[in-house]
Amino acid sequence: FGRCRMHNEQLVVHPCGIVLPQATFYGSKGMSSVTPFLMSIFPTCKAMPEVLVFDNNCTLGQYLHFKETALVVDVFHYKMKHADNNVYCSTHCNLASFPELYDPASKTWMFNSLACKQTNAWICKYQGQLQEMSAIRFKFFLDEVIKVRNEVIIEGLEHRGFAP
């Protein structure tokens, strides 16, 4: 999603739906923008998550090398947007290449790889309001609605016995 004066707003979202930092991208979501954004959130290899789901990890994985992080593409993007003949993508970015991320008993993935897509769908409800706001109001409003949403998600998880 985005305002008329920018390309997009990038969000980092935990699989449970909690939004971490976000950044405004004025050009595109190319590797020259995504890499510094990720490095600002995860400045060291130790800080990197074990699994990072991003719809363009095929390119990111060739651009940056994270030894301890699996750079995967969500199932939808892999099936719909990635060429079968892309050897790098099929061997390094396919969720199916990581059996430890799949629970054969329940036939489900161990985490929600589409959390960002679901968060984008939620935030797109505000697009009509956001796209005409000044930059300061836009950032303030976005920060506030994300903060409230995160609080609601955390309360729900705690109520169900989880410790987010």
C-alpha atoms as a PDB file:
ATOM      1  CA  PHE A   1       0.000   0.000   0.000  1.00  0.00           C
ATOM      2  CA  GLY A   2       1.181   3.551  -0.264  1.00  0.00           C
ATOM      3  CA  ARG A   3       0.511   7.240  -0.560  1.00  0.00           C
ATOM      4  CA  CYS A   4       0.447   9.011  -3.903  1.00  0.00           C
ATOM      5  CA  ARG A   5       3.875  10.521  -3.249  1.00  0.00           C
ATOM      6  CA  MET A   6       5.741   7.300  -2.479  1.00  0.00           C
ATOM      7  CA  HIS A   7       6.258   3.845  -3.925  1.00  0.00           C
ATOM      8  CA  ASN A   8       5.272   1.755  -0.897  1.00  0.00           C
ATOM      9  CA  GLU A   9       5.483   1.220   2.829  1.00  0.00           C
ATOM     10  CA  GLN A  10       7.487  -1.850   3.809  1.00  0.00           C
ATOM     11  CA  LEU A  11       6.517  -3.693   6.978  1.00  0.00           C
ATOM     12  CA  VAL A  12       8.367  -6.384   8.887  1.00  0.00           C
ATOM     13  CA  VAL A  13       5.779  -8.685  10.449  1.00  0.00           C
ATOM     14  CA  HIS A  14       6.196 -11.605  12.842  1.00  0.00           C
ATOM     15  CA  PRO A  15       4.287 -14.756  11.836  1.00  0.00           C
ATOM     16  CA  CYS A  16       1.827 -14.031  14.680  1.00  0.00           C
ATOM     17  CA  GLY A  17       0.936 -10.714  13.011  1.00  0.00           C
ATOM     18  CA  ILE A  18       2.827  -8.293  15.244  1.00  0.00           C
ATOM     19  CA  VAL A  19       4.324  -5.512  13.129  1.00  0.00           C
ATOM     20  CA  LEU A  20       7.948  -4.615  13.752  1.00  0.00           C
ATOM     21  CA  PRO A  21       9.548  -1.562  12.102  1.00  0.00           C
ATOM     22  CA  GLN A  22       8.315  -0.129   8.851  1.00  0.00           C
ATOM     23  CA  ALA A  23       9.948   2.085   6.265  1.00  0.00           C
ATOM     24  CA  THR A  24       8.730   4.329   3.489  1.00  0.00           C
ATOM     25  CA  PHE A  25      10.198   3.490   0.082  1.00  0.00           C
ATOM     26  CA  TYR A  26      10.086   6.367  -2.371  1.00  0.00           C
ATOM     27  CA  GLY A  27      11.673   4.591  -5.333  1.00  0.00           C
ATOM     28  CA  SER A  28      10.927   0.887  -5.479  1.00  0.00           C
ATOM     29  CA  LYS A  29      11.340  -2.152  -3.302  1.00  0.00           C
ATOM     30  CA  GLY A  30      14.555  -3.075  -5.049  1.00  0.00           C
ATOM     31  CA  MET A  31      17.489  -4.642  -3.268  1.00  0.00           C
ATOM     32  CA  SER A  32      19.202  -1.249  -2.917  1.00  0.00           C
ATOM     33  CA  SER A  33      16.290  -0.211  -0.656  1.00  0.00           C
ATOM     34  CA  VAL A  34      15.420  -3.516   1.015  1.00  0.00           C
ATOM     35  CA  THR A  35      18.969  -4.405   2.077  1.00  0.00           C
ATOM     36  CA  PRO A  36      19.697  -1.290   4.186  1.00  0.00           C
ATOM     37  CA  PHE A  37      16.193  -1.531   5.681  1.00  0.00           C
ATOM     38  CA  LEU A  38      16.748  -5.139   6.772  1.00  0.00           C
ATOM     39  CA  MET A  39      20.261  -4.370   7.994  1.00  0.00           C
ATOM     40  CA  SER A  40      18.885  -1.527  10.158  1.00  0.00           C
ATOM     41  CA  ILE A  41      16.471  -3.965  11.837  1.00  0.00           C
ATOM     42  CA  PHE A  42      18.842  -6.942  11.988  1.00  0.00           C
ATOM     43  CA  PRO A  43      22.338  -5.351  12.169  1.00  0.00           C
ATOM     44  CA  THR A  44      24.239  -8.580  12.919  1.00  0.00           C
ATOM     45  CA  CYS A  45      23.996 -12.205  11.834  1.00  0.00           C
ATOM     46  CA  LYS A  46      22.982 -13.091  15.405  1.00  0.00           C
ATOM     47  CA  ALA A  47      20.085 -10.626  15.244  1.00  0.00           C
ATOM     48  CA  MET A  48      18.703 -12.171  12.046  1.00  0.00           C
ATOM     49  CA  PRO A  49      15.702 -14.481  12.397  1.00  0.00           C
ATOM     50  CA  GLU A  50      16.059 -18.174  11.582  1.00  0.00           C
ATOM     51  CA  VAL A  51      13.609 -17.780   8.690  1.00  0.00           C
ATOM     52  CA  LEU A  52      12.935 -14.646   6.658  1.00  0.00           C
ATOM     53  CA  VAL A  53       9.987 -14.741   4.254  1.00  0.00           C
ATOM     54  CA  PHE A  54      10.073 -12.129   1.504  1.00  0.00           C
ATOM     55  CA  ASP A  55       8.491 -12.282  -1.937  1.00  0.00           C
ATOM     56  CA  ASN A  56      11.804 -11.483  -3.635  1.00  0.00           C
ATOM     57  CA  ASN A  57      14.182 -13.632  -1.591  1.00  0.00           C
ATOM     58  CA  CYS A  58      15.420 -15.224  -4.811  1.00  0.00           C
ATOM     59  CA  THR A  59      17.127 -11.933  -5.610  1.00  0.00           C
ATOM     60  CA  LEU A  60      17.908 -10.978  -2.013  1.00  0.00           C
ATOM     61  CA  GLY A  61      19.621 -14.329  -1.422  1.00  0.00           C
ATOM     62  CA  GLN A  62      21.927 -13.718  -4.362  1.00  0.00           C
ATOM     63  CA  TYR A  63      22.544 -10.130  -3.270  1.00  0.00           C
ATOM     64  CA  LEU A  64      23.177 -10.815   0.439  1.00  0.00           C
ATOM     65  CA  HIS A  65      24.304 -14.028   2.061  1.00  0.00           C
ATOM     66  CA  PHE A  66      22.920 -14.834   5.492  1.00  0.00           C
ATOM     67  CA  LYS A  67      24.564 -18.044   6.695  1.00  0.00           C
ATOM     68  CA  GLU A  68      22.152 -18.789   9.536  1.00  0.00           C
ATOM     69  CA  THR A  69      18.930 -17.487   7.986  1.00  0.00           C
ATOM     70  CA  ALA A  70      16.709 -19.359   5.573  1.00  0.00           C
ATOM     71  CA  LEU A  71      15.535 -16.863   2.947  1.00  0.00           C
ATOM     72  CA  VAL A  72      12.291 -18.363   1.705  1.00  0.00           C
ATOM     73  CA  VAL A  73       9.398 -17.252  -0.459  1.00  0.00           C
ATOM     74  CA  ASP A  74       5.856 -17.802   0.791  1.00  0.00           C
ATOM     75  CA  VAL A  75       3.985 -20.684  -0.804  1.00  0.00           C
ATOM     76  CA  PHE A  76       1.638 -18.449  -2.820  1.00  0.00           C
ATOM     77  CA  HIS A  77       4.459 -16.409  -4.345  1.00  0.00           C
ATOM     78  CA  TYR A  78       6.525 -19.496  -5.050  1.00  0.00           C
ATOM     79  CA  LYS A  79       3.713 -21.256  -6.906  1.00  0.00           C
ATOM     80  CA  MET A  80       2.396 -18.207  -8.747  1.00  0.00           C
ATOM     81  CA  LYS A  81       5.311 -15.858  -9.350  1.00  0.00           C
ATOM     82  CA  HIS A  82       8.527 -17.887  -9.609  1.00  0.00           C
ATOM     83  CA  ALA A  83       9.715 -19.734 -12.665  1.00  0.00           C
ATOM     84  CA  ASP A  84      10.090 -23.509 -12.409  1.00  0.00           C
ATOM     85  CA  ASN A  85      13.433 -23.298 -14.215  1.00  0.00           C
ATOM     86  CA  ASN A  86      14.934 -20.894 -11.638  1.00  0.00           C
ATOM     87  CA  VAL A  87      17.375 -23.316  -9.992  1.00  0.00           C
ATOM     88  CA  TYR A  88      18.480 -20.890  -7.275  1.00  0.00           C
ATOM     89  CA  CYS A  89      14.897 -20.159  -6.237  1.00  0.00           C
ATOM     90  CA  SER A  90      13.775 -23.791  -6.262  1.00  0.00           C
ATOM     91  CA  THR A  91      16.741 -24.992  -4.196  1.00  0.00           C
ATOM     92  CA  HIS A  92      17.225 -22.085  -1.770  1.00  0.00           C
ATOM     93  CA  CYS A  93      13.906 -20.241  -1.470  1.00  0.00           C
ATOM     94  CA  ASN A  94      11.216 -22.906  -1.733  1.00  0.00           C
ATOM     95  CA  LEU A  95       9.513 -23.511   1.637  1.00  0.00           C
ATOM     96  CA  ALA A  96       9.192 -27.177   0.671  1.00  0.00           C
ATOM     97  CA  SER A  97      13.013 -27.416   0.760  1.00  0.00           C
ATOM     98  CA  PHE A  98      12.842 -26.929   4.534  1.00  0.00           C
ATOM     99  CA  PRO A  99      11.000 -29.962   5.977  1.00  0.00           C
ATOM    100  CA  GLU A 100      11.589 -28.685   9.526  1.00  0.00           C
ATOM    101  CA  LEU A 101       9.122 -25.880   8.736  1.00  0.00           C
ATOM    102  CA  TYR A 102       6.307 -28.306   7.889  1.00  0.00           C
ATOM    103  CA  ASP A 103       4.193 -30.429  10.253  1.00  0.00           C
ATOM    104  CA  PRO A 104       3.249 -33.618   8.376  1.00  0.00           C
ATOM    105  CA  ALA A 105       0.786 -34.672  11.101  1.00  0.00           C
ATOM    106  CA  SER A 106      -1.438 -31.625  10.615  1.00  0.00           C
ATOM    107  CA  LYS A 107      -0.296 -31.051   7.016  1.00  0.00           C
ATOM    108  CA  THR A 108       0.372 -27.377   7.762  1.00  0.00           C
ATOM    109  CA  TRP A 109       3.329 -25.051   7.850  1.00  0.00           C
ATOM    110  CA  MET A 110       4.803 -24.390  11.294  1.00  0.00           C
ATOM    111  CA  PHE A 111       4.272 -20.651  10.939  1.00  0.00           C
ATOM    112  CA  ASN A 112       2.181 -18.211   8.961  1.00  0.00           C
ATOM    113  CA  SER A 113       4.268 -17.270   5.923  1.00  0.00           C
ATOM    114  CA  LEU A 114       1.519 -14.946   4.710  1.00  0.00           C
ATOM    115  CA  ALA A 115       1.449 -12.687   7.803  1.00  0.00           C
ATOM    116  CA  CYS A 116       2.665  -9.689   5.785  1.00  0.00           C
ATOM    117  CA  LYS A 117       0.052 -10.216   3.093  1.00  0.00           C
ATOM    118  CA  GLN A 118      -2.665 -10.418   5.757  1.00  0.00           C
ATOM    119  CA  THR A 119      -1.341  -7.263   7.447  1.00  0.00           C
ATOM    120  CA  ASN A 120      -1.261  -5.442   4.107  1.00  0.00           C
ATOM    121  CA  ALA A 121      -4.878  -6.471   3.486  1.00  0.00           C
ATOM    122  CA  TRP A 122      -5.804  -5.050   6.909  1.00  0.00           C
ATOM    123  CA  ILE A 123      -3.957  -1.780   6.398  1.00  0.00           C
ATOM    124  CA  CYS A 124      -5.325  -1.292   2.867  1.00  0.00           C
ATOM    125  CA  LYS A 125      -8.663  -0.504   4.523  1.00  0.00           C
ATOM    126  CA  TYR A 126      -7.061   2.818   5.477  1.00  0.00           C
ATOM    127  CA  GLN A 127      -5.621   3.579   2.038  1.00  0.00           C
ATOM    128  CA  GLY A 128      -8.281   6.123   1.133  1.00  0.00           C
ATOM    129  CA  GLN A 129      -7.432   8.133   4.241  1.00  0.00           C
ATOM    130  CA  LEU A 130      -3.673   7.630   4.088  1.00  0.00           C
ATOM    131  CA  GLN A 131      -2.985   8.512   0.477  1.00  0.00           C
ATOM    132  CA  GLU A 132      -3.965  12.154   0.813  1.00  0.00           C
ATOM    133  CA  MET A 133      -2.340  12.828   4.196  1.00  0.00           C
ATOM    134  CA  SER A 134       0.755  14.946   4.627  1.00  0.00           C
ATOM    135  CA  ALA A 135       3.915  12.951   5.371  1.00  0.00           C
ATOM    136  CA  ILE A 136       3.863  13.852   9.079  1.00  0.00           C
ATOM    137  CA  ARG A 137       0.199  12.917   9.560  1.00  0.00           C
ATOM    138  CA  PHE A 138       0.712   9.753   7.503  1.00  0.00           C
ATOM    139  CA  LYS A 139       3.589   8.516   9.699  1.00  0.00           C
ATOM    140  CA  PHE A 140       1.771   9.463  12.910  1.00  0.00           C
ATOM    141  CA  PHE A 141      -1.492   7.774  11.881  1.00  0.00           C
ATOM    142  CA  LEU A 142       0.271   4.675  10.593  1.00  0.00           C
ATOM    143  CA  ASP A 143       2.369   4.341  13.755  1.00  0.00           C
ATOM    144  CA  GLU A 144      -0.715   4.718  15.946  1.00  0.00           C
ATOM    145  CA  VAL A 145      -2.950   2.199  14.133  1.00  0.00           C
ATOM    146  CA  ILE A 146      -0.103  -0.324  14.042  1.00  0.00           C
ATOM    147  CA  LYS A 147       0.559   0.215  17.760  1.00  0.00           C
ATOM    148  CA  VAL A 148      -3.115  -0.362  18.620  1.00  0.00           C
ATOM    149  CA  ARG A 149      -3.290  -3.427  16.355  1.00  0.00           C
ATOM    150  CA  ASN A 150      -0.125  -4.858  17.950  1.00  0.00           C
ATOM    151  CA  GLU A 151      -1.641  -4.357  21.423  1.00  0.00           C
ATOM    152  CA  VAL A 152      -4.830  -6.169  20.391  1.00  0.00           C
ATOM    153  CA  ILE A 153      -2.824  -9.064  18.907  1.00  0.00           C
ATOM    154  CA  ILE A 154      -0.637  -9.334  22.020  1.00  0.00           C
ATOM    155  CA  GLU A 155      -3.702  -9.346  24.309  1.00  0.00           C
ATOM    156  CA  GLY A 156      -5.299 -12.069  22.195  1.00  0.00           C
ATOM    157  CA  LEU A 157      -2.164 -14.194  22.224  1.00  0.00           C
ATOM    158  CA  GLU A 158      -1.734 -13.785  25.994  1.00  0.00           C
ATOM    159  CA  HIS A 159      -5.409 -14.669  26.532  1.00  0.00           C
ATOM    160  CA  ARG A 160      -4.823 -17.923  24.627  1.00  0.00           C
ATOM    161  CA  GLY A 161      -1.809 -18.748  26.818  1.00  0.00           C
ATOM    162  CA  PHE A 162       1.002 -17.641  24.512  1.00  0.00           C
ATOM    163  CA  ALA A 163       3.877 -15.388  25.562  1.00  0.00           C
ATOM    164  CA  PRO A 164       4.502 -12.995  22.670  1.00  0.00           C
END
